[in-house]
Protein backbone atom coordinates (compact mmCIF):
# COMPACT_ATOMS: atom_id res chain seq x y z
CA UNK A 1 56.97 -13.74 -18.47
CA UNK A 2 58.32 -14.63 -15.10
CA UNK A 3 57.03 -17.80 -13.45
CA UNK A 4 55.79 -17.64 -9.90
CA UNK A 5 56.79 -20.28 -7.38
CA UNK A 6 54.11 -22.95 -6.74
CA UNK A 7 53.19 -21.43 -3.39
CA UNK A 8 52.46 -18.08 -5.09
CA UNK A 9 50.16 -19.88 -7.57
CA UNK A 10 48.15 -21.26 -4.65
CA UNK A 11 47.93 -17.84 -2.99
CA UNK A 12 46.77 -16.22 -6.26
CA UNK A 13 44.32 -19.05 -6.90
CA UNK A 14 42.92 -18.72 -3.37
CA UNK A 15 42.60 -14.95 -3.75
CA UNK A 16 40.81 -15.26 -7.11
CA UNK A 17 38.49 -17.95 -5.74
CA UNK A 18 37.64 -15.79 -2.71
CA UNK A 19 37.03 -12.75 -4.88
CA UNK A 20 34.72 -14.71 -7.17
CA UNK A 21 32.83 -16.15 -4.20
CA UNK A 22 32.37 -12.68 -2.70
CA UNK A 23 31.28 -11.23 -6.03
CA UNK A 24 28.78 -14.05 -6.44
CA UNK A 25 27.43 -13.50 -2.95
CA UNK A 26 27.09 -9.79 -3.62
CA UNK A 27 24.98 -10.59 -6.66
CA UNK A 28 22.81 -13.15 -4.88
CA UNK A 29 22.08 -11.33 -1.60
CA UNK A 30 20.41 -8.21 -3.07
CA UNK A 31 18.33 -10.26 -5.48
CA UNK A 32 17.07 -12.46 -2.62
CA UNK A 33 16.21 -9.40 -0.57
CA UNK A 34 14.48 -7.78 -3.53
CA UNK A 35 12.51 -10.94 -4.28
CA UNK A 36 11.57 -11.22 -0.63
CA UNK A 37 10.26 -7.67 -0.28
CA UNK A 38 10.33 -5.43 -3.30
CA UNK A 39 7.59 -3.13 -1.94
CA UNK A 40 6.18 -2.12 1.43
CA UNK A 41 3.08 -4.21 0.74
CA UNK A 42 5.18 -7.25 -0.20
CA UNK A 43 7.22 -6.90 2.99
CA UNK A 44 4.03 -6.82 5.07
CA UNK A 45 2.51 -9.76 3.19
CA UNK A 46 5.50 -11.94 4.13
CA UNK A 47 4.19 -12.00 7.69
CA UNK A 48 0.50 -12.19 6.78
CA UNK A 49 -0.11 -8.48 7.17
CA UNK A 50 -1.18 -5.71 4.89
CA UNK A 51 0.30 -2.28 4.51
CA UNK A 52 -2.18 0.37 3.50
CA UNK A 53 -2.79 4.02 2.93
CA UNK A 54 -5.69 6.41 2.65
CA UNK A 55 -6.21 7.89 -0.80
CA UNK A 56 -8.36 10.64 -2.23
CA UNK A 57 -10.48 10.05 -5.33
CA UNK A 58 -9.59 13.45 -6.79
CA UNK A 59 -5.87 12.55 -6.68
CA UNK A 60 -6.14 9.28 -8.64
CA UNK A 61 -5.54 11.23 -11.88
CA UNK A 62 -2.09 12.25 -10.59
CA UNK A 63 0.14 9.55 -12.06
CA UNK A 64 2.88 9.91 -9.44
CA UNK A 65 0.36 9.61 -6.60
CA UNK A 66 -1.54 6.67 -8.09
CA UNK A 67 1.60 4.82 -9.24
CA UNK A 68 3.16 4.94 -5.77
CA UNK A 69 -0.13 3.92 -4.12
CA UNK A 70 -0.60 0.96 -6.48
CA UNK A 71 3.02 -0.17 -6.22
CA UNK A 72 3.77 0.16 -2.51
CA UNK A 73 0.53 -0.71 -0.74
CA UNK A 74 -1.70 -3.77 -0.69
CA UNK A 75 -4.63 -2.13 1.12
CA UNK A 76 -6.49 1.13 0.49
CA UNK A 77 -9.05 3.15 2.41
CA UNK A 78 -10.74 6.36 1.34
CA UNK A 79 -9.56 9.61 2.92
CA UNK A 80 -12.98 11.24 3.20
CA UNK A 81 -15.13 9.81 0.42
CA UNK A 82 -16.74 7.16 2.63
CA UNK A 83 -17.52 9.40 5.61
CA UNK A 84 -21.14 10.45 6.29
CA UNK A 85 -20.76 13.97 4.89
CA UNK A 86 -19.64 12.63 1.50
CA UNK A 87 -21.98 9.63 1.36
CA UNK A 88 -25.22 11.41 2.35
CA UNK A 89 -24.81 15.18 2.05
CA UNK A 90 -28.58 15.66 2.38
CA UNK A 91 -30.88 13.28 4.23
CA UNK A 92 -32.00 10.58 1.85
CA UNK A 93 -29.67 11.78 -0.92
CA UNK A 94 -26.81 9.31 -1.25
CA UNK A 95 -23.67 9.83 -3.31
CA UNK A 96 -21.37 6.84 -3.66
CA UNK A 97 -19.53 8.00 -6.80
CA UNK A 98 -16.20 8.98 -5.18
CA UNK A 99 -16.22 5.98 -2.85
CA UNK A 100 -16.99 3.72 -5.81
CA UNK A 101 -14.17 5.34 -7.78
CA UNK A 102 -11.67 4.47 -5.04
CA UNK A 103 -13.08 0.96 -4.62
CA UNK A 104 -12.95 0.24 -8.35
CA UNK A 105 -9.44 1.67 -8.74
CA UNK A 106 -8.14 -0.47 -5.88
CA UNK A 107 -9.86 -3.74 -6.77
CA UNK A 108 -8.79 -3.45 -10.43
CA UNK A 109 -5.22 -3.53 -9.10
CA UNK A 110 -5.80 -6.41 -6.71
CA UNK A 111 -5.67 -4.23 -3.58
CA UNK A 112 -7.81 -4.83 -0.50
CA UNK A 113 -10.23 -2.07 0.43
CA UNK A 114 -11.05 -1.17 4.01
CA UNK A 115 -13.97 1.07 4.83
CA UNK A 116 -13.65 4.20 6.89
CA UNK A 117 -15.38 4.71 10.19
CA UNK A 118 -19.01 5.55 9.50
CA UNK A 119 -19.85 7.26 12.80
CA UNK A 120 -17.16 9.93 12.77
CA UNK A 121 -17.18 12.88 15.17
CA UNK A 122 -16.17 15.20 12.36
CA UNK A 123 -17.33 15.56 8.79
CA UNK A 124 -20.93 14.74 9.57
CA UNK A 125 -23.49 16.43 7.37
CA UNK A 126 -25.34 19.28 9.04
CA UNK A 127 -28.66 17.43 8.97
CA UNK A 128 -27.18 14.57 10.99
CA UNK A 129 -25.68 16.71 13.74
CA UNK A 130 -29.04 17.46 15.33
CA UNK A 131 -30.21 13.82 15.39
CA UNK A 132 -30.21 11.65 18.48
CA UNK A 133 -31.65 8.39 19.75
CA UNK A 134 -33.69 6.32 17.34
CA UNK A 135 -33.53 8.98 14.60
CA UNK A 136 -29.73 8.89 14.64
CA UNK A 137 -29.76 5.09 14.72
CA UNK A 138 -32.08 4.97 11.72
CA UNK A 139 -29.90 7.44 9.81
CA UNK A 140 -26.89 5.21 10.45
CA UNK A 141 -28.81 2.13 9.30
CA UNK A 142 -29.96 3.95 6.15
């Protein structure tokens, strides 16, 4: 084996040291970024925000849909299940089952739940569309 002059040893040593430092940095930087924000919800939480999505109760059985929703978001709202048409299809007849399903699914996973607008211009039950004044106000209170 041929010996390298001392200067060559220093150049090789410097090159190996630089390569190891760069390799180490390459390993550290992605892991810091991943730890900092591994999901959309985690990225939002870093600045005190939430990142949410609307979900449908009838889609929670779809494992791809529910897995992505649970992993990426830290806030959920119902697509339509908490709108007047779904909550009170007939006056005095309330149905909270789908809204409860979404709420329970989300809270069991530690997700925040935001309600949907109650007085929505669309998806009102037929019985509510003809109400006005104090009758409409009372229906909203009920």
